[in-house]
Structure formats: structure tokens, C-alpha cells
PDB file of all heavy atoms in Angstrom:
ATOM      1  N   GLY A   1      -9.085   1.451 -11.925  1.00  0.00           N
ATOM      2  CA  GLY A   1      -8.384   1.932 -13.107  1.00  0.00           C
ATOM      3  C   GLY A   1      -6.893   1.695 -12.943  1.00  0.00           C
ATOM      4  O   GLY A   1      -6.450   0.603 -12.597  1.00  0.00           O
ATOM      5  N   GLU A   2      -6.096   2.730 -13.167  1.00  0.00           N
ATOM      6  CA  GLU A   2      -4.637   2.639 -13.041  1.00  0.00           C
ATOM      7  C   GLU A   2      -4.141   3.197 -11.710  1.00  0.00           C
ATOM      8  O   GLU A   2      -2.950   3.509 -11.578  1.00  0.00           O
ATOM      9  CB  GLU A   2      -3.974   3.400 -14.197  1.00  0.00           C
ATOM     10  CG  GLU A   2      -4.182   2.758 -15.560  1.00  0.00           C
ATOM     11  CD  GLU A   2      -3.516   1.385 -15.635  1.00  0.00           C
ATOM     12  OE1 GLU A   2      -2.307   1.297 -15.397  1.00  0.00           O
ATOM     13  OE2 GLU A   2      -4.233   0.406 -15.941  1.00  0.00           O
ATOM     14  N   GLU A   3      -5.046   3.321 -10.750  1.00  0.00           N
ATOM     15  CA  GLU A   3      -4.678   3.900  -9.459  1.00  0.00           C
ATOM     16  C   GLU A   3      -4.934   2.908  -8.336  1.00  0.00           C
ATOM     17  O   GLU A   3      -5.966   2.232  -8.314  1.00  0.00           O
ATOM     18  CB  GLU A   3      -5.459   5.192  -9.211  1.00  0.00           C
ATOM     19  CG  GLU A   3      -5.138   6.285 -10.227  1.00  0.00           C
ATOM     20  CD  GLU A   3      -5.934   7.544  -9.980  1.00  0.00           C
ATOM     21  OE1 GLU A   3      -7.134   7.439  -9.674  1.00  0.00           O
ATOM     22  OE2 GLU A   3      -5.351   8.639 -10.108  1.00  0.00           O
ATOM     23  N   LYS A   4      -3.997   2.846  -7.390  1.00  0.00           N
ATOM     24  CA  LYS A   4      -4.128   1.900  -6.282  1.00  0.00           C
ATOM     25  C   LYS A   4      -4.968   2.513  -5.171  1.00  0.00           C
ATOM     26  O   LYS A   4      -4.677   3.610  -4.684  1.00  0.00           O
ATOM     27  CB  LYS A   4      -2.753   1.495  -5.750  1.00  0.00           C
ATOM     28  CG  LYS A   4      -2.819   0.452  -4.649  1.00  0.00           C
ATOM     29  CD  LYS A   4      -1.440  -0.085  -4.255  1.00  0.00           C
ATOM     30  CE  LYS A   4      -1.047  -1.251  -5.116  1.00  0.00           C
ATOM     31  NZ  LYS A   4       0.159  -1.959  -4.599  1.00  0.00           N
ATOM     32  N   LEU A   5      -5.991   1.784  -4.768  1.00  0.00           N
ATOM     33  CA  LEU A   5      -6.862   2.192  -3.672  1.00  0.00           C
ATOM     34  C   LEU A   5      -6.388   1.613  -2.348  1.00  0.00           C
ATOM     35  O   LEU A   5      -6.527   2.250  -1.297  1.00  0.00           O
ATOM     36  CB  LEU A   5      -8.296   1.723  -3.954  1.00  0.00           C
ATOM     37  CG  LEU A   5      -9.348   1.969  -2.871  1.00  0.00           C
ATOM     38  CD1 LEU A   5      -9.563   3.466  -2.637  1.00  0.00           C
ATOM     39  CD2 LEU A   5     -10.673   1.297  -3.251  1.00  0.00           C
ATOM     40  N   CYS A   6      -5.824   0.412  -2.386  1.00  0.00           N
ATOM     41  CA  CYS A   6      -5.436  -0.289  -1.163  1.00  0.00           C
ATOM     42  C   CYS A   6      -4.151  -1.064  -1.397  1.00  0.00           C
ATOM     43  O   CYS A   6      -4.080  -1.880  -2.321  1.00  0.00           O
ATOM     44  CB  CYS A   6      -6.548  -1.244  -0.731  1.00  0.00           C
ATOM     45  SG  CYS A   6      -6.198  -2.161   0.778  1.00  0.00           S
ATOM     46  N   ALA A   7      -3.150  -0.792  -0.568  1.00  0.00           N
ATOM     47  CA  ALA A   7      -1.898  -1.548  -0.611  1.00  0.00           C
ATOM     48  C   ALA A   7      -1.988  -2.721   0.362  1.00  0.00           C
ATOM     49  O   ALA A   7      -2.620  -2.611   1.417  1.00  0.00           O
ATOM     50  CB  ALA A   7      -0.720  -0.650  -0.246  1.00  0.00           C
ATOM     51  N   ILE A   8      -1.351  -3.818   0.009  1.00  0.00           N
ATOM     52  CA  ILE A   8      -1.370  -5.020   0.848  1.00  0.00           C
ATOM     53  C   ILE A   8       0.043  -5.580   0.945  1.00  0.00           C
ATOM     54  O   ILE A   8       0.734  -5.715  -0.066  1.00  0.00           O
ATOM     55  CB  ILE A   8      -2.318  -6.093   0.270  1.00  0.00           C
ATOM     56  CG1 ILE A   8      -3.756  -5.572   0.227  1.00  0.00           C
ATOM     57  CG2 ILE A   8      -2.242  -7.383   1.100  1.00  0.00           C
ATOM     58  CD1 ILE A   8      -4.735  -6.486  -0.479  1.00  0.00           C
ATOM     59  N   GLY A   9       0.459  -5.888   2.153  1.00  0.00           N
ATOM     60  CA  GLY A   9       1.760  -6.521   2.372  1.00  0.00           C
ATOM     61  C   GLY A   9       1.728  -7.250   3.703  1.00  0.00           C
ATOM     62  O   GLY A   9       1.456  -6.637   4.729  1.00  0.00           O
ATOM     63  N   VAL A  10       1.969  -8.537   3.698  1.00  0.00           N
ATOM     64  CA  VAL A  10       1.864  -9.327   4.927  1.00  0.00           C
ATOM     65  C   VAL A  10       3.178 -10.044   5.220  1.00  0.00           C
ATOM     66  O   VAL A  10       4.059 -10.163   4.363  1.00  0.00           O
ATOM     67  CB  VAL A  10       0.713 -10.361   4.867  1.00  0.00           C
ATOM     68  CG1 VAL A  10      -0.612  -9.681   4.563  1.00  0.00           C
ATOM     69  CG2 VAL A  10       1.011 -11.457   3.859  1.00  0.00           C
ATOM     70  N   ALA A  11       3.288 -10.503   6.435  1.00  0.00           N
ATOM     71  CA  ALA A  11       4.345 -11.421   6.849  1.00  0.00           C
ATOM     72  C   ALA A  11       3.650 -12.605   7.519  1.00  0.00           C
ATOM     73  O   ALA A  11       2.553 -12.455   8.080  1.00  0.00           O
ATOM     74  CB  ALA A  11       5.314 -10.751   7.817  1.00  0.00           C
ATOM     75  N   VAL A  12       4.271 -13.761   7.465  1.00  0.00           N
ATOM     76  CA  VAL A  12       3.727 -14.952   8.126  1.00  0.00           C
ATOM     77  C   VAL A  12       4.859 -15.611   8.911  1.00  0.00           C
ATOM     78  O   VAL A  12       5.939 -15.872   8.368  1.00  0.00           O
ATOM     79  CB  VAL A  12       3.118 -15.952   7.122  1.00  0.00           C
ATOM     80  CG1 VAL A  12       2.655 -17.215   7.844  1.00  0.00           C
ATOM     81  CG2 VAL A  12       1.960 -15.312   6.373  1.00  0.00           C
ATOM     82  N   LYS A  13       4.614 -15.847  10.167  1.00  0.00           N
ATOM     83  CA  LYS A  13       5.590 -16.489  11.040  1.00  0.00           C
ATOM     84  C   LYS A  13       4.860 -17.523  11.879  1.00  0.00           C
ATOM     85  O   LYS A  13       3.788 -17.235  12.429  1.00  0.00           O
ATOM     86  CB  LYS A  13       6.261 -15.445  11.938  1.00  0.00           C
ATOM     87  CG  LYS A  13       7.364 -15.981  12.828  1.00  0.00           C
ATOM     88  CD  LYS A  13       7.980 -14.835  13.621  1.00  0.00           C
ATOM     89  CE  LYS A  13       9.072 -15.330  14.553  1.00  0.00           C
ATOM     90  NZ  LYS A  13       9.666 -14.220  15.340  1.00  0.00           N
ATOM     91  N   GLU A  14       5.394 -18.722  11.951  1.00  0.00           N
ATOM     92  CA  GLU A  14       4.770 -19.823  12.695  1.00  0.00           C
ATOM     93  C   GLU A  14       3.315 -20.032  12.270  1.00  0.00           C
ATOM     94  O   GLU A  14       2.458 -20.347  13.083  1.00  0.00           O
ATOM     95  CB  GLU A  14       4.869 -19.583  14.198  1.00  0.00           C
ATOM     96  CG  GLU A  14       6.304 -19.540  14.704  1.00  0.00           C
ATOM     97  CD  GLU A  14       6.390 -19.348  16.206  1.00  0.00           C
ATOM     98  OE1 GLU A  14       6.203 -20.348  16.946  1.00  0.00           O
ATOM     99  OE2 GLU A  14       6.636 -18.208  16.644  1.00  0.00           O
ATOM    100  N   GLY A  15       3.053 -19.839  10.967  1.00  0.00           N
ATOM    101  CA  GLY A  15       1.736 -20.108  10.418  1.00  0.00           C
ATOM    102  C   GLY A  15       0.693 -19.048  10.696  1.00  0.00           C
ATOM    103  O   GLY A  15      -0.482 -19.245  10.368  1.00  0.00           O
ATOM    104  N   VAL A  16       1.090 -17.916  11.283  1.00  0.00           N
ATOM    105  CA  VAL A  16       0.142 -16.849  11.614  1.00  0.00           C
ATOM    106  C   VAL A  16       0.609 -15.551  10.958  1.00  0.00           C
ATOM    107  O   VAL A  16       1.793 -15.195  11.018  1.00  0.00           O
ATOM    108  CB  VAL A  16       0.016 -16.667  13.147  1.00  0.00           C
ATOM    109  CG1 VAL A  16      -0.859 -15.468  13.492  1.00  0.00           C
ATOM    110  CG2 VAL A  16      -0.561 -17.936  13.775  1.00  0.00           C
ATOM    111  N   SER A  17      -0.330 -14.835  10.342  1.00  0.00           N
ATOM    112  CA  SER A  17      -0.008 -13.611   9.613  1.00  0.00           C
ATOM    113  C   SER A  17       0.117 -12.411  10.542  1.00  0.00           C
ATOM    114  O   SER A  17      -0.438 -12.392  11.652  1.00  0.00           O
ATOM    115  CB  SER A  17      -1.102 -13.327   8.584  1.00  0.00           C
ATOM    116  OG  SER A  17      -2.318 -13.008   9.248  1.00  0.00           O
ATOM    117  N   PHE A  18       0.827 -11.402  10.062  1.00  0.00           N
ATOM    118  CA  PHE A  18       0.749 -10.058  10.634  1.00  0.00           C
ATOM    119  C   PHE A  18       1.078  -9.063   9.532  1.00  0.00           C
ATOM    120  O   PHE A  18       1.275  -9.443   8.391  1.00  0.00           O
ATOM    121  CB  PHE A  18       1.602  -9.889  11.895  1.00  0.00           C
ATOM    122  CG  PHE A  18       3.077 -10.168  11.771  1.00  0.00           C
ATOM    123  CD1 PHE A  18       4.012  -9.176  12.041  1.00  0.00           C
ATOM    124  CD2 PHE A  18       3.552 -11.434  11.444  1.00  0.00           C
ATOM    125  CE1 PHE A  18       5.367  -9.429  11.961  1.00  0.00           C
ATOM    126  CE2 PHE A  18       4.916 -11.699  11.370  1.00  0.00           C
ATOM    127  CZ  PHE A  18       5.826 -10.684  11.616  1.00  0.00           C
ATOM    128  N   HIS A  19       1.111  -7.775   9.854  1.00  0.00           N
ATOM    129  CA  HIS A  19       1.040  -6.694   8.860  1.00  0.00           C
ATOM    130  C   HIS A  19      -0.303  -6.852   8.122  1.00  0.00           C
ATOM    131  O   HIS A  19      -1.205  -7.500   8.627  1.00  0.00           O
ATOM    132  CB  HIS A  19       2.266  -6.677   7.958  1.00  0.00           C
ATOM    133  CG  HIS A  19       3.527  -6.343   8.710  1.00  0.00           C
ATOM    134  ND1 HIS A  19       3.836  -5.067   9.110  1.00  0.00           N
ATOM    135  CD2 HIS A  19       4.545  -7.133   9.167  1.00  0.00           C
ATOM    136  CE1 HIS A  19       4.993  -5.066   9.766  1.00  0.00           C
ATOM    137  NE2 HIS A  19       5.428  -6.313   9.831  1.00  0.00           N
ATOM    138  N   GLY A  20      -0.484  -6.247   6.952  1.00  0.00           N
ATOM    139  CA  GLY A  20      -1.815  -6.359   6.348  1.00  0.00           C
ATOM    140  C   GLY A  20      -2.074  -5.398   5.214  1.00  0.00           C
ATOM    141  O   GLY A  20      -1.369  -5.402   4.213  1.00  0.00           O
ATOM    142  N   PHE A  21      -3.084  -4.518   5.379  1.00  0.00           N
ATOM    143  CA  PHE A  21      -3.521  -3.673   4.266  1.00  0.00           C
ATOM    144  C   PHE A  21      -3.640  -2.222   4.716  1.00  0.00           C
ATOM    145  O   PHE A  21      -3.750  -1.920   5.906  1.00  0.00           O
ATOM    146  CB  PHE A  21      -4.862  -4.164   3.706  1.00  0.00           C
ATOM    147  CG  PHE A  21      -6.021  -4.047   4.671  1.00  0.00           C
ATOM    148  CD1 PHE A  21      -6.770  -2.878   4.746  1.00  0.00           C
ATOM    149  CD2 PHE A  21      -6.365  -5.099   5.503  1.00  0.00           C
ATOM    150  CE1 PHE A  21      -7.833  -2.765   5.638  1.00  0.00           C
ATOM    151  CE2 PHE A  21      -7.428  -5.007   6.394  1.00  0.00           C
ATOM    152  CZ  PHE A  21      -8.168  -3.826   6.456  1.00  0.00           C
ATOM    153  N   ALA A  22      -3.624  -1.336   3.714  1.00  0.00           N
ATOM    154  CA  ALA A  22      -3.778   0.100   3.963  1.00  0.00           C
ATOM    155  C   ALA A  22      -4.749   0.654   2.933  1.00  0.00           C
ATOM    156  O   ALA A  22      -4.408   0.796   1.749  1.00  0.00           O
ATOM    157  CB  ALA A  22      -2.432   0.798   3.871  1.00  0.00           C
ATOM    158  N   LEU A  23      -5.962   0.943   3.368  1.00  0.00           N
ATOM    159  CA  LEU A  23      -7.044   1.420   2.494  1.00  0.00           C
ATOM    160  C   LEU A  23      -7.129   2.939   2.588  1.00  0.00           C
ATOM    161  O   LEU A  23      -7.351   3.497   3.675  1.00  0.00           O
ATOM    162  CB  LEU A  23      -8.367   0.780   2.932  1.00  0.00           C
ATOM    163  CG  LEU A  23      -9.642   1.294   2.255  1.00  0.00           C
ATOM    164  CD1 LEU A  23      -9.620   1.008   0.754  1.00  0.00           C
ATOM    165  CD2 LEU A  23     -10.873   0.651   2.906  1.00  0.00           C
ATOM    166  N   ASN A  24      -6.974   3.593   1.467  1.00  0.00           N
ATOM    167  CA  ASN A  24      -7.061   5.053   1.445  1.00  0.00           C
ATOM    168  C   ASN A  24      -8.517   5.489   1.523  1.00  0.00           C
ATOM    169  O   ASN A  24      -9.278   5.303   0.573  1.00  0.00           O
ATOM    170  CB  ASN A  24      -6.409   5.611   0.181  1.00  0.00           C
ATOM    171  CG  ASN A  24      -4.917   5.362   0.151  1.00  0.00           C
ATOM    172  OD1 ASN A  24      -4.241   5.451   1.166  1.00  0.00           O
ATOM    173  ND2 ASN A  24      -4.405   5.019  -1.028  1.00  0.00           N
ATOM    174  N   VAL A  25      -8.884   6.040   2.655  1.00  0.00           N
ATOM    175  CA  VAL A  25     -10.252   6.536   2.856  1.00  0.00           C
ATOM    176  C   VAL A  25     -10.287   8.023   2.539  1.00  0.00           C
ATOM    177  O   VAL A  25     -10.922   8.463   1.583  1.00  0.00           O
ATOM    178  CB  VAL A  25     -10.735   6.251   4.297  1.00  0.00           C
ATOM    179  CG1 VAL A  25     -12.144   6.814   4.513  1.00  0.00           C
ATOM    180  CG2 VAL A  25     -10.728   4.750   4.564  1.00  0.00           C
ATOM    181  N   SER A  26      -9.592   8.814   3.346  1.00  0.00           N
ATOM    182  CA  SER A  26      -9.510  10.250   3.093  1.00  0.00           C
ATOM    183  C   SER A  26      -8.058  10.715   3.228  1.00  0.00           C
ATOM    184  O   SER A  26      -7.785  11.824   3.673  1.00  0.00           O
ATOM    185  CB  SER A  26     -10.409  11.016   4.065  1.00  0.00           C
ATOM    186  OG  SER A  26     -10.055  10.726   5.415  1.00  0.00           O
ATOM    187  N   THR A  27      -7.156   9.853   2.837  1.00  0.00           N
ATOM    188  CA  THR A  27      -5.722  10.104   2.945  1.00  0.00           C
ATOM    189  C   THR A  27      -5.315  11.329   2.137  1.00  0.00           C
ATOM    190  O   THR A  27      -5.851  11.571   1.059  1.00  0.00           O
ATOM    191  CB  THR A  27      -4.952   8.881   2.401  1.00  0.00           C
ATOM    192  OG1 THR A  27      -5.616   7.678   2.803  1.00  0.00           O
ATOM    193  CG2 THR A  27      -3.527   8.851   2.876  1.00  0.00           C
ATOM    194  N   ASP A  28      -4.329  12.088   2.634  1.00  0.00           N
ATOM    195  CA  ASP A  28      -3.727  13.158   1.844  1.00  0.00           C
ATOM    196  C   ASP A  28      -2.830  12.499   0.797  1.00  0.00           C
ATOM    197  O   ASP A  28      -1.704  12.091   1.086  1.00  0.00           O
ATOM    198  CB  ASP A  28      -2.913  14.091   2.747  1.00  0.00           C
ATOM    199  CG  ASP A  28      -2.318  15.266   1.979  1.00  0.00           C
ATOM    200  OD1 ASP A  28      -2.405  15.289   0.729  1.00  0.00           O
ATOM    201  OD2 ASP A  28      -1.750  16.164   2.637  1.00  0.00           O
ATOM    202  N   LEU A  29      -3.327  12.401  -0.414  1.00  0.00           N
ATOM    203  CA  LEU A  29      -2.612  11.671  -1.457  1.00  0.00           C
ATOM    204  C   LEU A  29      -1.323  12.365  -1.877  1.00  0.00           C
ATOM    205  O   LEU A  29      -0.449  11.738  -2.481  1.00  0.00           O
ATOM    206  CB  LEU A  29      -3.528  11.451  -2.668  1.00  0.00           C
ATOM    207  CG  LEU A  29      -4.806  10.639  -2.384  1.00  0.00           C
ATOM    208  CD1 LEU A  29      -5.673  10.555  -3.638  1.00  0.00           C
ATOM    209  CD2 LEU A  29      -4.475   9.236  -1.871  1.00  0.00           C
ATOM    210  N   ASN A  30      -1.173  13.650  -1.559  1.00  0.00           N
ATOM    211  CA  ASN A  30       0.065  14.356  -1.882  1.00  0.00           C
ATOM    212  C   ASN A  30       1.263  13.728  -1.184  1.00  0.00           C
ATOM    213  O   ASN A  30       2.396  13.816  -1.676  1.00  0.00           O
ATOM    214  CB  ASN A  30      -0.041  15.831  -1.493  1.00  0.00           C
ATOM    215  CG  ASN A  30      -1.014  16.595  -2.376  1.00  0.00           C
ATOM    216  OD1 ASN A  30      -1.101  16.341  -3.581  1.00  0.00           O
ATOM    217  ND2 ASN A  30      -1.756  17.511  -1.789  1.00  0.00           N
ATOM    218  N   ASP A  31       1.024  13.093  -0.027  1.00  0.00           N
ATOM    219  CA  ASP A  31       2.134  12.500   0.720  1.00  0.00           C
ATOM    220  C   ASP A  31       2.766  11.310  -0.007  1.00  0.00           C
ATOM    221  O   ASP A  31       3.890  10.923   0.301  1.00  0.00           O
ATOM    222  CB  ASP A  31       1.682  12.084   2.119  1.00  0.00           C
ATOM    223  CG  ASP A  31       1.642  13.255   3.091  1.00  0.00           C
ATOM    224  OD1 ASP A  31       2.309  14.275   2.814  1.00  0.00           O
ATOM    225  OD2 ASP A  31       0.961  13.169   4.113  1.00  0.00           O
ATOM    226  N   PHE A  32       2.036  10.717  -0.939  1.00  0.00           N
ATOM    227  CA  PHE A  32       2.615   9.620  -1.720  1.00  0.00           C
ATOM    228  C   PHE A  32       3.663  10.122  -2.719  1.00  0.00           C
ATOM    229  O   PHE A  32       4.420   9.331  -3.270  1.00  0.00           O
ATOM    230  CB  PHE A  32       1.523   8.866  -2.481  1.00  0.00           C
ATOM    231  CG  PHE A  32       0.700   7.942  -1.625  1.00  0.00           C
ATOM    232  CD1 PHE A  32      -0.506   8.359  -1.100  1.00  0.00           C
ATOM    233  CD2 PHE A  32       1.128   6.652  -1.362  1.00  0.00           C
ATOM    234  CE1 PHE A  32      -1.280   7.505  -0.316  1.00  0.00           C
ATOM    235  CE2 PHE A  32       0.369   5.791  -0.588  1.00  0.00           C
ATOM    236  CZ  PHE A  32      -0.836   6.218  -0.057  1.00  0.00           C
ATOM    237  N   SER A  33       3.689  11.431  -2.957  1.00  0.00           N
ATOM    238  CA  SER A  33       4.581  11.975  -3.987  1.00  0.00           C
ATOM    239  C   SER A  33       6.051  11.940  -3.584  1.00  0.00           C
ATOM    240  O   SER A  33       6.928  12.200  -4.409  1.00  0.00           O
ATOM    241  CB  SER A  33       4.178  13.415  -4.322  1.00  0.00           C
ATOM    242  OG  SER A  33       4.417  14.273  -3.213  1.00  0.00           O
ATOM    243  N   VAL A  34       6.344  11.604  -2.321  1.00  0.00           N
ATOM    244  CA  VAL A  34       7.738  11.582  -1.861  1.00  0.00           C
ATOM    245  C   VAL A  34       8.375  10.196  -2.027  1.00  0.00           C
ATOM    246  O   VAL A  34       9.518   9.987  -1.643  1.00  0.00           O
ATOM    247  CB  VAL A  34       7.856  12.059  -0.398  1.00  0.00           C
ATOM    248  CG1 VAL A  34       7.337  13.484  -0.261  1.00  0.00           C
ATOM    249  CG2 VAL A  34       7.127  11.120   0.567  1.00  0.00           C
ATOM    250  N   ILE A  35       7.621   9.244  -2.590  1.00  0.00           N
ATOM    251  CA  ILE A  35       8.119   7.898  -2.860  1.00  0.00           C
ATOM    252  C   ILE A  35       7.591   7.435  -4.215  1.00  0.00           C
ATOM    253  O   ILE A  35       6.748   8.099  -4.825  1.00  0.00           O
ATOM    254  CB  ILE A  35       7.661   6.876  -1.774  1.00  0.00           C
ATOM    255  CG1 ILE A  35       6.121   6.813  -1.711  1.00  0.00           C
ATOM    256  CG2 ILE A  35       8.258   7.221  -0.417  1.00  0.00           C
ATOM    257  CD1 ILE A  35       5.577   5.712  -0.804  1.00  0.00           C
ATOM    258  N   VAL A  36       8.101   6.307  -4.677  1.00  0.00           N
ATOM    259  CA  VAL A  36       7.460   5.586  -5.784  1.00  0.00           C
ATOM    260  C   VAL A  36       6.626   4.500  -5.122  1.00  0.00           C
ATOM    261  O   VAL A  36       7.162   3.463  -4.713  1.00  0.00           O
ATOM    262  CB  VAL A  36       8.495   4.966  -6.747  1.00  0.00           C
ATOM    263  CG1 VAL A  36       7.782   4.216  -7.870  1.00  0.00           C
ATOM    264  CG2 VAL A  36       9.425   6.035  -7.303  1.00  0.00           C
ATOM    265  N   PRO A  37       5.310   4.718  -4.937  1.00  0.00           N
ATOM    266  CA  PRO A  37       4.504   3.788  -4.127  1.00  0.00           C
ATOM    267  C   PRO A  37       4.590   2.355  -4.636  1.00  0.00           C
ATOM    268  O   PRO A  37       4.347   2.087  -5.814  1.00  0.00           O
ATOM    269  CB  PRO A  37       3.079   4.344  -4.265  1.00  0.00           C
ATOM    270  CG  PRO A  37       3.268   5.792  -4.594  1.00  0.00           C
ATOM    271  CD  PRO A  37       4.511   5.837  -5.448  1.00  0.00           C
ATOM    272  N   CYS A  38       4.973   1.460  -3.725  1.00  0.00           N
ATOM    273  CA  CYS A  38       5.093   0.031  -4.023  1.00  0.00           C
ATOM    274  C   CYS A  38       6.104  -0.252  -5.129  1.00  0.00           C
ATOM    275  O   CYS A  38       6.153  -1.361  -5.674  1.00  0.00           O
ATOM    276  CB  CYS A  38       3.733  -0.577  -4.371  1.00  0.00           C
ATOM    277  SG  CYS A  38       2.494  -0.339  -3.075  1.00  0.00           S
ATOM    278  N   GLY A  39       6.898   0.752  -5.491  1.00  0.00           N
ATOM    279  CA  GLY A  39       7.890   0.573  -6.537  1.00  0.00           C
ATOM    280  C   GLY A  39       7.318   0.502  -7.936  1.00  0.00           C
ATOM    281  O   GLY A  39       8.008   0.109  -8.875  1.00  0.00           O
ATOM    282  N   LEU A  40       6.051   0.905  -8.110  1.00  0.00           N
ATOM    283  CA  LEU A  40       5.381   0.809  -9.408  1.00  0.00           C
ATOM    284  C   LEU A  40       5.401   2.162 -10.095  1.00  0.00           C
ATOM    285  O   LEU A  40       4.593   3.050  -9.789  1.00  0.00           O
ATOM    286  CB  LEU A  40       3.940   0.303  -9.224  1.00  0.00           C
ATOM    287  CG  LEU A  40       3.807  -1.078  -8.589  1.00  0.00           C
ATOM    288  CD1 LEU A  40       2.348  -1.424  -8.362  1.00  0.00           C
ATOM    289  CD2 LEU A  40       4.473  -2.134  -9.463  1.00  0.00           C
ATOM    290  N   LYS A  41       6.320   2.334 -11.014  1.00  0.00           N
ATOM    291  CA  LYS A  41       6.453   3.608 -11.719  1.00  0.00           C
ATOM    292  C   LYS A  41       5.302   3.793 -12.699  1.00  0.00           C
ATOM    293  O   LYS A  41       4.837   2.854 -13.331  1.00  0.00           O
ATOM    294  CB  LYS A  41       7.790   3.663 -12.449  1.00  0.00           C
ATOM    295  CG  LYS A  41       8.997   3.671 -11.510  1.00  0.00           C
ATOM    296  CD  LYS A  41      10.298   3.671 -12.285  1.00  0.00           C
ATOM    297  CE  LYS A  41      11.497   3.848 -11.359  1.00  0.00           C
ATOM    298  NZ  LYS A  41      11.661   2.723 -10.403  1.00  0.00           N
ATOM    299  N   GLY A  42       4.818   5.017 -12.813  1.00  0.00           N
ATOM    300  CA  GLY A  42       3.770   5.327 -13.770  1.00  0.00           C
ATOM    301  C   GLY A  42       2.371   4.995 -13.300  1.00  0.00           C
ATOM    302  O   GLY A  42       1.406   5.137 -14.066  1.00  0.00           O
ATOM    303  N   LYS A  43       2.236   4.549 -12.056  1.00  0.00           N
ATOM    304  CA  LYS A  43       0.918   4.235 -11.501  1.00  0.00           C
ATOM    305  C   LYS A  43       0.554   5.287 -10.453  1.00  0.00           C
ATOM    306  O   LYS A  43       1.424   5.887  -9.816  1.00  0.00           O
ATOM    307  CB  LYS A  43       0.914   2.854 -10.846  1.00  0.00           C
ATOM    308  CG  LYS A  43       1.319   1.716 -11.773  1.00  0.00           C
ATOM    309  CD  LYS A  43       0.268   1.430 -12.817  1.00  0.00           C
ATOM    310  CE  LYS A  43       0.645   0.206 -13.661  1.00  0.00           C
ATOM    311  NZ  LYS A  43      -0.379  -0.098 -14.682  1.00  0.00           N
TER     312      LYS A  43
END
């Protein structure tokens, strides 16, 4: 719907990736309230 289940952000150096994804399994969603997640207002 209008809610993000998994955030993704990677870096690539010398043709190899690092960083990755964050899948909310049983996360305390209240902790997202201290930021604008991914900079997407209204989501």
C-alpha cells in the first residue's frame, strides 16, 4: 500500500556492492517517528 516494508540503499566500489536492505519483521515502528523515513513525507 502506502507503507514501506523494506528500505534499500547500496554502495558499489570496485564493482562489488555493500550496504543493502532493512526488512521490518517485528520492528518497533514508533522509532521511525523521530525522522522522515527515506525523506518521503506523507508515507
